[in-house]
Structure formats: C-alpha cells, structure tokens
Amino acid sequence: YAEWGIRTASPFVRFRLLDKTIGVILAGETIPSGEAQLPLESFAALNFGFIDTIFIVENLLVYLTFPAVPKGLCIFGSGFAAVQLHCNIHLRQKKLYYFGDIDEHGFEILSEVRAIFPDVTSFCMDSTTYQTFAQFAVPGKASKRSVSDLHLTAKELKLFRFLQEHPECSRLEQERITQEFIKERLSLIIDERFKEEVCKALT
C-alpha cells in the first residue's frame, strides 16, 4: 500500500541460538542461548560474530526442536520469506544450510535462496533421506517452474525430477524426519567443520 501513502509493517525474522556457550548482543543486551525476533531492518545489522554455521529451517516445529550445534544458529525461514534474508550481508560470511520439505516447492525455495546465497547447502533434502522416510511421503503440489531455471545441484535436480514423475508420493514433510537422523547428519557437519579449523590452525 506504499503508493497510497500507507506505511506497511516491517516483516520479522525469528532465530534461535544452537550453542548454549555463546550469546548474541541485541540493543546492548546479551541473549544467551535463547530466541529472538527482530524487524528485518534490525536483523540486517547483526553480524553474528561468534556464529559460523547457520541453518535456515522451513517448518516451525523443526525450527523449535533443532538440535544443538557448536557456534550454530537456526533461522525460521517460513517458506519463500527466506529470500528476505538477503538484507544481511554478513550471512555471506557464514556456512549456510537450507532445510525444507522434500517436495517440488521445497526445492523451489532452496533455488531462490541459492540465487541470493550461491554457497548455501541443502540439508536432509537428498535421496537417502527421502528413501529412509519414504513411507511418510504423500501427494504434493506440482511446481510450475522450468527445471532449467532452478539453481539446484545435479543430485537435487535428479530428486526433483523423481518427485515430478511420482506425484502420488512427491511430498515428504521435514517434520517426518526423526531427531536421531538429523543429529547423525549434523555430526558429519560438525566433524567436517572441526577438521577445517584444525587445518587452518596448522597452516
């Protein structure tokens, strides 16, 4: 309604720390291992100095129950709203992961986020995850996007095409993925980050 001179409310970004040993300073106050919700323009000013790994999560329940990660942060992506995160240039300096539903629209959102943050990595959006929990897959909505327009890796595109070809089981909601499975995947990421830090310290 800007053309009518009506001021619209600023969207908010909701996030929570995944590391109890650190805190984020907001307006001069430290929020230790807690959750915060900020207007988009305030979020844009945060540099998350002690954070090195950020997960953008689609589903609210998964966001609220996401396991602990050293120097980690979890952002509630809330669908295509995730693309609004481009306002924070400091996110480009972090290791970013996007975790959405395994369905055509989930890959669309991943593609939109990757168009802004080219180095973003998908998390638990692969064939192994799908096959592990395929019993919970349900019919999903078809995408109208051309495959050639999507910013997806070869493996992601292969799974995307599989979902297109099997509409009867083309949606696996991320809340169907167990905490144990998520923790196993996170352990691989944490180990890899630890190895990177050791290599940097030795060089």
N, C-alpha and C. Protein backbone atom coordinates (compact mmCIF):
# COMPACT_ATOMS: atom_id res chain seq x y z
N TYR A 1 0.81 -1.20 0.00
CA TYR A 1 0.00 0.00 0.00
C TYR A 1 0.84 1.26 0.00
N ALA A 2 2.11 1.12 -0.33
CA ALA A 2 3.01 2.27 -0.29
C ALA A 2 2.56 3.37 -1.23
N GLU A 3 1.95 2.99 -2.39
CA GLU A 3 1.53 4.00 -3.36
C GLU A 3 0.39 4.86 -2.83
N TRP A 4 -0.28 4.38 -1.77
CA TRP A 4 -1.37 5.16 -1.15
C TRP A 4 -0.89 5.95 0.06
N GLY A 5 0.40 5.88 0.34
CA GLY A 5 0.94 6.60 1.47
C GLY A 5 0.72 5.89 2.79
N ILE A 6 0.36 4.61 2.75
CA ILE A 6 0.13 3.84 3.97
C ILE A 6 1.39 3.07 4.32
N ARG A 7 1.83 3.23 5.55
CA ARG A 7 3.05 2.56 5.99
C ARG A 7 2.73 1.10 6.32
N THR A 8 3.48 0.18 5.73
CA THR A 8 3.27 -1.24 5.99
C THR A 8 4.20 -1.72 7.10
N ALA A 9 3.76 -2.73 7.81
CA ALA A 9 4.57 -3.27 8.91
C ALA A 9 5.78 -4.00 8.37
N SER A 10 6.90 -3.82 9.05
CA SER A 10 8.12 -4.50 8.63
C SER A 10 8.02 -5.98 8.95
N PRO A 11 8.47 -6.84 8.03
CA PRO A 11 8.49 -8.27 8.35
C PRO A 11 9.51 -8.55 9.44
N PHE A 12 9.29 -9.64 10.17
CA PHE A 12 10.19 -10.00 11.26
C PHE A 12 10.97 -11.26 10.89
N VAL A 13 12.15 -11.37 11.48
CA VAL A 13 12.98 -12.56 11.34
C VAL A 13 13.12 -13.21 12.72
N ARG A 14 12.80 -14.47 12.77
CA ARG A 14 12.85 -15.21 14.04
C ARG A 14 14.04 -16.17 14.01
N PHE A 15 14.84 -16.17 15.06
CA PHE A 15 16.00 -17.05 15.09
C PHE A 15 16.31 -17.48 16.51
N ARG A 16 17.04 -18.58 16.62
CA ARG A 16 17.46 -19.08 17.94
C ARG A 16 18.87 -19.63 17.88
N LEU A 17 19.59 -19.43 18.97
CA LEU A 17 20.95 -19.93 19.07
C LEU A 17 20.95 -21.43 19.31
N LEU A 18 21.92 -22.11 18.74
CA LEU A 18 22.05 -23.56 18.90
C LEU A 18 23.24 -23.93 19.78
N ASP A 19 23.88 -22.92 20.33
CA ASP A 19 25.06 -23.12 21.17
C ASP A 19 24.85 -22.38 22.48
N LYS A 20 24.72 -23.12 23.58
CA LYS A 20 24.45 -22.51 24.89
C LYS A 20 25.65 -21.76 25.46
N THR A 21 26.80 -21.93 24.86
CA THR A 21 28.00 -21.30 25.42
C THR A 21 28.20 -19.87 24.92
N ILE A 22 27.39 -19.44 23.96
CA ILE A 22 27.56 -18.10 23.41
C ILE A 22 26.23 -17.37 23.45
N GLY A 23 26.29 -16.08 23.19
CA GLY A 23 25.09 -15.27 23.13
C GLY A 23 25.20 -14.24 22.02
N VAL A 24 24.10 -13.65 21.67
CA VAL A 24 24.07 -12.60 20.66
C VAL A 24 23.67 -11.30 21.34
N ILE A 25 24.40 -10.24 21.07
CA ILE A 25 24.10 -8.96 21.70
C ILE A 25 23.10 -8.20 20.84
N LEU A 26 21.95 -7.88 21.43
CA LEU A 26 20.91 -7.12 20.75
C LEU A 26 20.58 -5.90 21.60
N ALA A 27 20.72 -4.73 21.01
CA ALA A 27 20.40 -3.49 21.71
C ALA A 27 21.12 -3.40 23.06
N GLY A 28 22.38 -3.86 23.08
CA GLY A 28 23.18 -3.76 24.28
C GLY A 28 22.97 -4.86 25.30
N GLU A 29 22.05 -5.78 25.03
CA GLU A 29 21.79 -6.87 25.96
C GLU A 29 22.12 -8.20 25.30
N THR A 30 22.75 -9.08 26.07
CA THR A 30 23.09 -10.40 25.55
C THR A 30 21.94 -11.36 25.77
N ILE A 31 21.58 -12.10 24.72
CA ILE A 31 20.53 -13.11 24.82
C ILE A 31 21.22 -14.46 24.76
N PRO A 32 21.55 -15.04 25.91
CA PRO A 32 22.30 -16.30 25.93
C PRO A 32 21.44 -17.49 25.54
N SER A 33 21.91 -18.22 24.57
CA SER A 33 21.28 -19.47 24.13
C SER A 33 19.77 -19.37 24.05
N GLY A 34 19.27 -18.24 23.60
CA GLY A 34 17.83 -18.03 23.55
C GLY A 34 17.33 -17.78 22.15
N GLU A 35 16.13 -17.25 22.09
CA GLU A 35 15.47 -16.98 20.82
C GLU A 35 15.12 -15.50 20.74
N ALA A 36 15.12 -14.97 19.53
CA ALA A 36 14.78 -13.57 19.33
C ALA A 36 14.00 -13.41 18.03
N GLN A 37 13.25 -12.33 17.98
CA GLN A 37 12.51 -11.97 16.76
C GLN A 37 12.70 -10.49 16.53
N LEU A 38 13.24 -10.15 15.37
CA LEU A 38 13.60 -8.77 15.08
C LEU A 38 12.99 -8.30 13.77
N PRO A 39 12.69 -7.00 13.67
CA PRO A 39 12.29 -6.45 12.38
C PRO A 39 13.41 -6.68 11.37
N LEU A 40 13.05 -6.80 10.11
CA LEU A 40 14.02 -7.14 9.08
C LEU A 40 15.19 -6.17 9.05
N GLU A 41 14.92 -4.86 9.21
CA GLU A 41 16.00 -3.88 9.16
C GLU A 41 16.95 -4.01 10.34
N SER A 42 16.45 -4.42 11.51
CA SER A 42 17.32 -4.64 12.67
C SER A 42 18.14 -5.91 12.49
N PHE A 43 17.52 -6.94 11.95
CA PHE A 43 18.22 -8.18 11.67
C PHE A 43 19.37 -7.94 10.69
N ALA A 44 19.16 -7.05 9.73
CA ALA A 44 20.17 -6.77 8.71
C ALA A 44 21.47 -6.25 9.30
N ALA A 45 21.39 -5.63 10.50
CA ALA A 45 22.58 -5.03 11.10
C ALA A 45 23.40 -6.01 11.93
N LEU A 46 22.87 -7.20 12.17
CA LEU A 46 23.58 -8.17 13.01
C LEU A 46 24.71 -8.85 12.23
N ASN A 47 25.87 -9.00 12.86
CA ASN A 47 26.97 -9.70 12.18
C ASN A 47 27.23 -11.09 12.76
N PHE A 48 26.55 -11.44 13.87
CA PHE A 48 26.68 -12.79 14.45
C PHE A 48 28.14 -13.20 14.56
N GLY A 49 28.91 -12.36 15.22
CA GLY A 49 30.36 -12.56 15.27
C GLY A 49 30.83 -13.93 15.72
N PHE A 50 30.14 -14.54 16.69
CA PHE A 50 30.59 -15.82 17.23
C PHE A 50 29.93 -17.01 16.53
N ILE A 51 29.12 -16.74 15.53
CA ILE A 51 28.42 -17.79 14.80
C ILE A 51 29.18 -18.11 13.52
N ASP A 52 29.33 -19.41 13.20
CA ASP A 52 29.94 -19.74 11.91
C ASP A 52 29.06 -20.63 11.04
N THR A 53 28.01 -21.23 11.63
CA THR A 53 27.13 -22.12 10.87
C THR A 53 25.67 -21.73 11.11
N ILE A 54 24.93 -21.53 10.02
CA ILE A 54 23.54 -21.09 10.12
C ILE A 54 22.64 -22.02 9.31
N PHE A 55 21.55 -22.46 9.94
CA PHE A 55 20.56 -23.30 9.30
C PHE A 55 19.27 -22.50 9.10
N ILE A 56 18.80 -22.45 7.88
CA ILE A 56 17.52 -21.82 7.57
C ILE A 56 16.50 -22.96 7.47
N VAL A 57 15.53 -22.96 8.37
CA VAL A 57 14.60 -24.09 8.50
C VAL A 57 13.19 -23.66 8.16
N GLU A 58 12.53 -24.48 7.37
CA GLU A 58 11.19 -24.17 6.86
C GLU A 58 10.08 -24.34 7.89
N ASN A 59 10.08 -25.46 8.59
CA ASN A 59 8.97 -25.84 9.46
C ASN A 59 9.18 -25.31 10.89
N LEU A 60 8.12 -24.80 11.50
CA LEU A 60 8.22 -24.20 12.83
C LEU A 60 8.61 -25.24 13.89
N LEU A 61 8.00 -26.40 13.87
CA LEU A 61 8.31 -27.43 14.86
C LEU A 61 9.76 -27.86 14.76
N VAL A 62 10.24 -28.07 13.53
CA VAL A 62 11.64 -28.47 13.34
C VAL A 62 12.57 -27.36 13.80
N TYR A 63 12.19 -26.12 13.51
CA TYR A 63 12.98 -24.96 13.96
C TYR A 63 13.09 -24.94 15.49
N LEU A 64 11.98 -25.16 16.17
CA LEU A 64 11.95 -25.08 17.63
C LEU A 64 12.69 -26.23 18.30
N THR A 65 12.80 -27.36 17.60
CA THR A 65 13.43 -28.55 18.20
C THR A 65 14.78 -28.88 17.57
N PHE A 66 15.31 -27.98 16.76
CA PHE A 66 16.57 -28.27 16.07
C PHE A 66 17.67 -28.49 17.10
N PRO A 67 18.47 -29.56 16.93
CA PRO A 67 19.49 -29.92 17.92
C PRO A 67 20.60 -28.88 18.05
N ALA A 68 21.35 -29.02 19.13
CA ALA A 68 22.47 -28.12 19.40
C ALA A 68 23.57 -28.29 18.35
N VAL A 69 24.20 -27.17 17.99
CA VAL A 69 25.32 -27.14 17.05
C VAL A 69 26.33 -26.12 17.56
N PRO A 70 27.59 -26.50 17.75
CA PRO A 70 28.59 -25.53 18.19
C PRO A 70 28.67 -24.34 17.23
N LYS A 71 28.63 -23.14 17.80
CA LYS A 71 28.69 -21.89 17.02
C LYS A 71 27.60 -21.85 15.95
N GLY A 72 26.44 -22.44 16.30
CA GLY A 72 25.35 -22.54 15.32
C GLY A 72 24.17 -21.64 15.64
N LEU A 73 23.42 -21.34 14.59
CA LEU A 73 22.22 -20.51 14.68
C LEU A 73 21.16 -21.11 13.77
N CYS A 74 19.91 -21.02 14.17
CA CYS A 74 18.81 -21.53 13.37
C CYS A 74 17.85 -20.38 13.07
N ILE A 75 17.52 -20.19 11.80
CA ILE A 75 16.60 -19.13 11.39
C ILE A 75 15.32 -19.78 10.88
N PHE A 76 14.17 -19.28 11.32
CA PHE A 76 12.89 -19.77 10.84
C PHE A 76 12.63 -19.15 9.47
N GLY A 77 12.73 -19.98 8.42
CA GLY A 77 12.61 -19.47 7.06
C GLY A 77 11.19 -19.13 6.65
N SER A 78 10.23 -19.91 7.12
CA SER A 78 8.82 -19.67 6.84
C SER A 78 8.54 -19.52 5.35
N GLY A 79 8.85 -20.55 4.60
CA GLY A 79 8.53 -20.55 3.17
C GLY A 79 9.38 -19.60 2.37
N PHE A 80 8.77 -18.97 1.38
CA PHE A 80 9.52 -18.09 0.48
C PHE A 80 10.00 -16.82 1.19
N ALA A 81 9.58 -16.60 2.44
CA ALA A 81 10.08 -15.46 3.22
C ALA A 81 11.58 -15.57 3.45
N ALA A 82 12.12 -16.77 3.28
CA ALA A 82 13.56 -16.98 3.48
C ALA A 82 14.39 -16.09 2.57
N VAL A 83 13.85 -15.72 1.42
CA VAL A 83 14.63 -14.91 0.47
C VAL A 83 14.85 -13.50 1.00
N GLN A 84 14.09 -13.09 2.01
CA GLN A 84 14.26 -11.75 2.58
C GLN A 84 15.57 -11.62 3.34
N LEU A 85 16.22 -12.73 3.61
CA LEU A 85 17.45 -12.70 4.38
C LEU A 85 18.60 -12.05 3.63
N HIS A 86 18.40 -11.74 2.35
CA HIS A 86 19.45 -11.11 1.56
C HIS A 86 19.88 -9.78 2.15
N CYS A 87 19.02 -9.18 2.99
CA CYS A 87 19.33 -7.87 3.56
C CYS A 87 20.53 -7.91 4.49
N ASN A 88 20.87 -9.09 5.02
CA ASN A 88 22.00 -9.21 5.93
C ASN A 88 23.21 -9.72 5.16
N ILE A 89 24.11 -8.81 4.82
CA ILE A 89 25.28 -9.18 4.01
C ILE A 89 26.26 -10.05 4.80
N HIS A 90 26.15 -10.04 6.13
CA HIS A 90 27.07 -10.82 6.95
C HIS A 90 26.80 -12.32 6.82
N LEU A 91 25.60 -12.69 6.39
CA LEU A 91 25.30 -14.10 6.23
C LEU A 91 26.17 -14.75 5.16
N ARG A 92 26.66 -13.95 4.23
CA ARG A 92 27.51 -14.48 3.16
C ARG A 92 28.85 -14.98 3.70
N GLN A 93 29.20 -14.56 4.91
CA GLN A 93 30.47 -14.97 5.51
C GLN A 93 30.32 -16.24 6.35
N LYS A 94 29.10 -16.77 6.44
CA LYS A 94 28.84 -17.94 7.26
C LYS A 94 28.61 -19.16 6.37
N LYS A 95 28.69 -20.34 7.00
CA LYS A 95 28.34 -21.57 6.30
C LYS A 95 26.83 -21.73 6.43
N LEU A 96 26.13 -21.64 5.30
CA LEU A 96 24.67 -21.66 5.29
C LEU A 96 24.12 -23.00 4.83
N TYR A 97 23.06 -23.45 5.51
CA TYR A 97 22.35 -24.65 5.12
C TYR A 97 20.86 -24.32 5.04
N TYR A 98 20.20 -24.87 4.02
CA TYR A 98 18.75 -24.72 3.93
C TYR A 98 18.10 -26.08 4.12
N PHE A 99 17.11 -26.14 5.01
CA PHE A 99 16.43 -27.38 5.36
C PHE A 99 14.92 -27.17 5.16
N GLY A 100 14.40 -27.72 4.06
CA GLY A 100 12.98 -27.59 3.78
C GLY A 100 12.35 -28.95 3.52
N ASP A 101 11.08 -28.93 3.18
CA ASP A 101 10.40 -30.17 2.82
C ASP A 101 11.00 -30.75 1.55
N ILE A 102 10.99 -32.06 1.43
CA ILE A 102 11.41 -32.69 0.19
C ILE A 102 10.18 -32.76 -0.71
N ASP A 103 9.95 -31.68 -1.42
CA ASP A 103 8.89 -31.62 -2.42
C ASP A 103 9.29 -30.57 -3.44
N GLU A 104 8.49 -30.42 -4.48
CA GLU A 104 8.87 -29.53 -5.57
C GLU A 104 8.99 -28.08 -5.09
N HIS A 105 8.09 -27.66 -4.22
CA HIS A 105 8.14 -26.29 -3.72
C HIS A 105 9.30 -26.08 -2.76
N GLY A 106 9.65 -27.13 -2.01
CA GLY A 106 10.82 -27.04 -1.15
C GLY A 106 12.09 -26.78 -1.94
N PHE A 107 12.20 -27.44 -3.09
CA PHE A 107 13.36 -27.22 -3.95
C PHE A 107 13.29 -25.87 -4.65
N GLU A 108 12.09 -25.37 -4.89
CA GLU A 108 11.94 -24.03 -5.44
C GLU A 108 12.51 -23.00 -4.46
N ILE A 109 12.15 -23.16 -3.18
CA ILE A 109 12.64 -22.23 -2.16
C ILE A 109 14.15 -22.33 -2.04
N LEU A 110 14.67 -23.55 -2.02
CA LEU A 110 16.12 -23.75 -1.99
C LEU A 110 16.77 -23.02 -3.16
N SER A 111 16.18 -23.13 -4.34
CA SER A 111 16.71 -22.46 -5.52
C SER A 111 16.72 -20.94 -5.35
N GLU A 112 15.64 -20.38 -4.78
CA GLU A 112 15.55 -18.94 -4.57
C GLU A 112 16.61 -18.48 -3.57
N VAL A 113 16.79 -19.25 -2.50
CA VAL A 113 17.81 -18.90 -1.51
C VAL A 113 19.20 -18.97 -2.12
N ARG A 114 19.44 -20.00 -2.94
CA ARG A 114 20.75 -20.17 -3.56
C ARG A 114 21.03 -19.08 -4.60
N ALA A 115 19.99 -18.52 -5.18
CA ALA A 115 20.18 -17.41 -6.12
C ALA A 115 20.75 -16.19 -5.39
N ILE A 116 20.45 -16.09 -4.10
CA ILE A 116 20.95 -14.98 -3.28
C ILE A 116 22.25 -15.34 -2.60
N PHE A 117 22.30 -16.57 -2.06
CA PHE A 117 23.49 -17.07 -1.38
C PHE A 117 23.98 -18.31 -2.14
N PRO A 118 24.82 -18.13 -3.15
CA PRO A 118 25.22 -19.24 -4.04
C PRO A 118 25.86 -20.43 -3.33
N ASP A 119 26.44 -20.20 -2.15
CA ASP A 119 27.14 -21.28 -1.47
C ASP A 119 26.26 -22.04 -0.48
N VAL A 120 24.97 -21.73 -0.42
CA VAL A 120 24.10 -22.43 0.52
C VAL A 120 24.02 -23.91 0.16
N THR A 121 24.04 -24.76 1.18
CA THR A 121 23.98 -26.21 1.01
C THR A 121 22.65 -26.73 1.52
N SER A 122 22.05 -27.65 0.80
CA SER A 122 20.80 -28.25 1.28
C SER A 122 21.12 -29.23 2.41
N PHE A 123 20.19 -29.35 3.34
CA PHE A 123 20.37 -30.23 4.48
C PHE A 123 19.19 -31.19 4.56
N CYS A 124 19.48 -32.49 4.56
CA CYS A 124 18.43 -33.52 4.62
C CYS A 124 17.40 -33.34 3.50
N MET A 125 17.86 -32.97 2.33
CA MET A 125 16.99 -32.84 1.16
C MET A 125 17.60 -33.65 0.02
N ASP A 126 17.88 -34.92 0.30
CA ASP A 126 18.58 -35.77 -0.65
C ASP A 126 17.85 -37.11 -0.78
N SER A 127 18.28 -37.91 -1.71
CA SER A 127 17.62 -39.19 -1.99
C SER A 127 17.68 -40.15 -0.81
N THR A 128 18.80 -40.17 -0.10
CA THR A 128 18.93 -41.06 1.04
C THR A 128 17.90 -40.72 2.11
N THR A 129 17.75 -39.43 2.39
CA THR A 129 16.75 -39.01 3.38
C THR A 129 15.35 -39.39 2.92
N TYR A 130 15.07 -39.12 1.63
CA TYR A 130 13.74 -39.45 1.11
C TYR A 130 13.46 -40.95 1.21
N GLN A 131 14.39 -41.75 0.79
CA GLN A 131 14.19 -43.20 0.81
C GLN A 131 14.05 -43.73 2.24
N THR A 132 14.77 -43.14 3.17
CA THR A 132 14.71 -43.58 4.56
C THR A 132 13.32 -43.37 5.15
N PHE A 133 12.65 -42.29 4.73
CA PHE A 133 11.35 -41.96 5.29
C PHE A 133 10.24 -41.95 4.23
N ALA A 134 10.46 -42.70 3.15
CA ALA A 134 9.52 -42.71 2.02
C ALA A 134 8.12 -43.17 2.42
N GLN A 135 8.02 -43.95 3.48
CA GLN A 135 6.71 -44.43 3.91
C GLN A 135 5.79 -43.30 4.33
N PHE A 136 6.37 -42.13 4.64
CA PHE A 136 5.58 -40.99 5.07
C PHE A 136 5.29 -40.01 3.94
N ALA A 137 5.76 -40.30 2.73
CA ALA A 137 5.55 -39.40 1.60
C ALA A 137 4.09 -39.39 1.18
N VAL A 138 3.61 -38.21 0.80
CA VAL A 138 2.21 -38.02 0.40
C VAL A 138 2.17 -37.23 -0.91
N PRO A 139 1.01 -37.14 -1.55
CA PRO A 139 0.91 -36.33 -2.76
C PRO A 139 1.23 -34.87 -2.47
N GLY A 140 1.95 -34.24 -3.37
CA GLY A 140 2.31 -32.83 -3.21
C GLY A 140 1.85 -32.00 -4.39
N LYS A 141 2.00 -30.69 -4.27
CA LYS A 141 1.60 -29.78 -5.34
C LYS A 141 2.72 -29.68 -6.38
N ALA A 142 2.33 -29.66 -7.62
CA ALA A 142 3.31 -29.61 -8.71
C ALA A 142 3.86 -28.19 -8.87
N SER A 143 5.12 -28.12 -9.22
CA SER A 143 5.77 -26.85 -9.50
C SER A 143 5.49 -26.41 -10.93
N LYS A 144 5.39 -25.11 -11.13
CA LYS A 144 5.19 -24.56 -12.46
C LYS A 144 6.49 -23.99 -13.03
N ARG A 145 7.55 -24.13 -12.26
CA ARG A 145 8.85 -23.61 -12.68
C ARG A 145 9.52 -24.56 -13.66
N SER A 146 10.24 -23.98 -14.60
CA SER A 146 11.04 -24.77 -15.53
C SER A 146 12.28 -25.27 -14.81
N VAL A 147 12.62 -26.54 -15.03
CA VAL A 147 13.79 -27.12 -14.38
C VAL A 147 15.05 -26.34 -14.72
N SER A 148 15.12 -25.81 -15.91
CA SER A 148 16.31 -25.07 -16.36
C SER A 148 16.50 -23.77 -15.59
N ASP A 149 15.44 -23.29 -14.92
CA ASP A 149 15.53 -22.05 -14.17
C ASP A 149 15.94 -22.25 -12.71
N LEU A 150 16.03 -23.50 -12.29
CA LEU A 150 16.29 -23.78 -10.89
C LEU A 150 17.79 -23.84 -10.59
N HIS A 151 18.17 -23.27 -9.47
CA HIS A 151 19.56 -23.29 -9.02
C HIS A 151 19.75 -24.50 -8.10
N LEU A 152 19.86 -25.67 -8.71
CA LEU A 152 19.99 -26.90 -7.97
C LEU A 152 21.20 -27.69 -8.45
N THR A 153 21.76 -28.51 -7.57
CA THR A 153 22.86 -29.38 -7.96
C THR A 153 22.32 -30.54 -8.79
N ALA A 154 23.22 -31.31 -9.38
CA ALA A 154 22.80 -32.44 -10.21
C ALA A 154 21.99 -33.44 -9.39
N LYS A 155 22.42 -33.72 -8.16
CA LYS A 155 21.70 -34.68 -7.31
C LYS A 155 20.34 -34.14 -6.90
N GLU A 156 20.27 -32.85 -6.62
CA GLU A 156 19.00 -32.23 -6.25
C GLU A 156 18.03 -32.24 -7.43
N LEU A 157 18.55 -31.97 -8.62
CA LEU A 157 17.71 -31.99 -9.82
C LEU A 157 17.17 -33.40 -10.08
N LYS A 158 18.00 -34.39 -9.85
CA LYS A 158 17.56 -35.77 -10.05
C LYS A 158 16.40 -36.11 -9.12
N LEU A 159 16.49 -35.70 -7.86
CA LEU A 159 15.41 -35.96 -6.91
C LEU A 159 14.19 -35.13 -7.27
N PHE A 160 14.39 -33.90 -7.70
CA PHE A 160 13.28 -33.03 -8.12
C PHE A 160 12.50 -33.68 -9.27
N ARG A 161 13.21 -34.23 -10.24
CA ARG A 161 12.55 -34.89 -11.37
C ARG A 161 11.81 -36.16 -10.91
N PHE A 162 12.41 -36.87 -9.98
CA PHE A 162 11.74 -38.06 -9.42
C PHE A 162 10.41 -37.66 -8.80
N LEU A 163 10.39 -36.58 -8.05
CA LEU A 163 9.16 -36.11 -7.42
C LEU A 163 8.13 -35.72 -8.47
N GLN A 164 8.59 -35.09 -9.54
CA GLN A 164 7.67 -34.72 -10.63
C GLN A 164 7.03 -35.96 -11.26
N GLU A 165 7.82 -37.00 -11.37
CA GLU A 165 7.35 -38.22 -12.04
C GLU A 165 6.51 -39.11 -11.13
N HIS A 166 6.50 -38.81 -9.83
CA HIS A 166 5.75 -39.62 -8.87
C HIS A 166 4.89 -38.71 -7.99
N PRO A 167 3.87 -38.09 -8.57
CA PRO A 167 3.03 -37.15 -7.81
C PRO A 167 2.31 -37.76 -6.63
N GLU A 168 2.14 -39.08 -6.66
CA GLU A 168 1.43 -39.75 -5.56
C GLU A 168 2.27 -39.80 -4.28
N CYS A 169 3.56 -39.54 -4.39
CA CYS A 169 4.44 -39.56 -3.20
C CYS A 169 5.50 -38.47 -3.34
N SER A 170 5.09 -37.30 -3.76
CA SER A 170 6.03 -36.24 -4.10
C SER A 170 6.26 -35.22 -2.99
N ARG A 171 5.79 -35.54 -1.78
CA ARG A 171 5.99 -34.60 -0.67
C ARG A 171 6.35 -35.35 0.61
N LEU A 172 7.54 -35.08 1.11
CA LEU A 172 7.97 -35.61 2.40
C LEU A 172 8.21 -34.41 3.30
N GLU A 173 7.32 -34.20 4.25
CA GLU A 173 7.44 -33.06 5.16
C GLU A 173 8.62 -33.26 6.09
N GLN A 174 9.35 -32.20 6.34
CA GLN A 174 10.59 -32.33 7.09
C GLN A 174 10.36 -32.76 8.54
N GLU A 175 9.17 -32.51 9.09
CA GLU A 175 8.91 -32.96 10.46
C GLU A 175 8.78 -34.47 10.57
N ARG A 176 8.72 -35.16 9.42
CA ARG A 176 8.70 -36.62 9.42
C ARG A 176 10.08 -37.22 9.63
N ILE A 177 11.10 -36.41 9.49
CA ILE A 177 12.48 -36.88 9.66
C ILE A 177 12.80 -36.88 11.15
N THR A 178 13.29 -37.97 11.65
CA THR A 178 13.50 -38.12 13.09
C THR A 178 14.68 -37.28 13.59
N GLN A 179 14.62 -36.97 14.89
CA GLN A 179 15.71 -36.23 15.53
C GLN A 179 17.02 -37.02 15.44
N GLU A 180 16.93 -38.33 15.57
CA GLU A 180 18.14 -39.16 15.51
C GLU A 180 18.82 -39.03 14.16
N PHE A 181 18.02 -39.03 13.10
CA PHE A 181 18.58 -38.91 11.76
C PHE A 181 19.20 -37.53 11.57
N ILE A 182 18.50 -36.48 12.03
CA ILE A 182 19.03 -35.12 11.92
C ILE A 182 20.33 -34.99 12.68
N LYS A 183 20.40 -35.56 13.89
CA LYS A 183 21.62 -35.49 14.69
C LYS A 183 22.79 -36.22 14.01
N GLU A 184 22.50 -37.34 13.35
CA GLU A 184 23.54 -38.06 12.62
C GLU A 184 24.11 -37.19 11.51
N ARG A 185 23.24 -36.53 10.77
CA ARG A 185 23.70 -35.65 9.69
C ARG A 185 24.48 -34.46 10.26
N LEU A 186 24.01 -33.93 11.37
CA LEU A 186 24.70 -32.80 11.98
C LEU A 186 26.09 -33.20 12.46
N SER A 187 26.24 -34.41 12.96
CA SER A 187 27.54 -34.86 13.44
C SER A 187 28.57 -34.86 12.32
N LEU A 188 28.14 -35.20 11.11
CA LEU A 188 29.04 -35.18 9.96
C LEU A 188 29.50 -33.75 9.66
N ILE A 189 28.56 -32.81 9.75
CA ILE A 189 28.88 -31.40 9.50
C ILE A 189 29.83 -30.88 10.58
N ILE A 190 29.53 -31.19 11.83
CA ILE A 190 30.35 -30.73 12.94
C ILE A 190 31.77 -31.28 12.83
N ASP A 191 31.89 -32.56 12.48
CA ASP A 191 33.21 -33.18 12.32
C ASP A 191 33.99 -32.50 11.20
N GLU A 192 33.29 -32.20 10.10
CA GLU A 192 33.95 -31.57 8.96
C GLU A 192 34.42 -30.17 9.31
N ARG A 193 33.59 -29.42 10.05
CA ARG A 193 33.98 -28.07 10.46
C ARG A 193 35.18 -28.12 11.41
N PHE A 194 35.20 -29.12 12.29
CA PHE A 194 36.32 -29.27 13.23
C PHE A 194 37.61 -29.53 12.46
N LYS A 195 37.55 -30.40 11.44
CA LYS A 195 38.73 -30.70 10.64
C LYS A 195 39.22 -29.45 9.92
N GLU A 196 38.29 -28.63 9.42
CA GLU A 196 38.67 -27.40 8.74
C GLU A 196 39.39 -26.45 9.69
N GLU A 197 38.88 -26.36 10.92
CA GLU A 197 39.51 -25.47 11.90
C GLU A 197 40.90 -25.94 12.26
N VAL A 198 41.07 -27.27 12.38
CA VAL A 198 42.38 -27.82 12.70
C VAL A 198 43.36 -27.54 11.57
N CYS A 199 42.91 -27.71 10.34
CA CYS A 199 43.78 -27.45 9.17
C CYS A 199 44.20 -25.99 9.13
N LYS A 200 43.27 -25.08 9.45
CA LYS A 200 43.60 -23.65 9.44
C LYS A 200 44.62 -23.33 10.53
N ALA A 201 44.45 -23.99 11.69
CA ALA A 201 45.37 -23.73 12.79
C ALA A 201 46.78 -24.23 12.50
N LEU A 202 46.89 -25.27 11.67
CA LEU A 202 48.18 -25.86 11.36
C LEU A 202 48.90 -25.17 10.22
N THR A 203 48.18 -24.35 9.47
CA THR A 203 48.80 -23.67 8.31
C THR A 203 49.21 -22.25 8.66
